[in-house]
Structure formats: C-alpha cells, structure tokens
C-alpha cells in the first residue's frame, strides 16, 4: 500500500467512526429528550391530581362546616322556641 492509500483508509475509518459516534450521540440525546418530556408530563399530571384532590377536600370541608353551622342554628332556634312556648304555658 502506498502512503496515499493508507491515508485514504485512515480517513475513511475516521469518517465511519465519526458517523457512528454522531448517531450514538443523537440517539442518546433523543432518548434523553423523550424521557425529560415524559417526566414533565408525569409531573404535570401528578400536580394536577394533587391540586384537584386538594380542591375537593377543601370544598367538602366547607360544605361540612356549613352543614354543622346550620344544624347548630336549627338546634339553637328550636331550643329558643321551646323556651318561648314553656314561658307562655307558665303564664297561663
């Protein structure tokens, strides 16, 4: 082999290796990007789920406290009404 033939072989070999390395790097980048996007999607879904759960819990708490207040008011009103009736009966 002549010197120029050896150089051609080395150049071809270098180009082949460079191409292969480039493809490997590109594939790795693509995989990393896909994984990152998936991770973001999962994180976003988890955040939304947590947020909606928190909303539901707070709404339920509010409704429960309103119902409790209403029941207390009704009980107090009934108590006053009973006392009023008892006073009227006493006067007779």
Foldseek 3Di string as FASTA:
>chain_A
DDPVVVVVVVVVVVVVVVVVVVVVVVVVVVVVVVVVVVVVVVVVVVVVVVVVVVVVVVVVVVVVVVVVVVVVVVVVVVVVVVVVVVVVVVVD
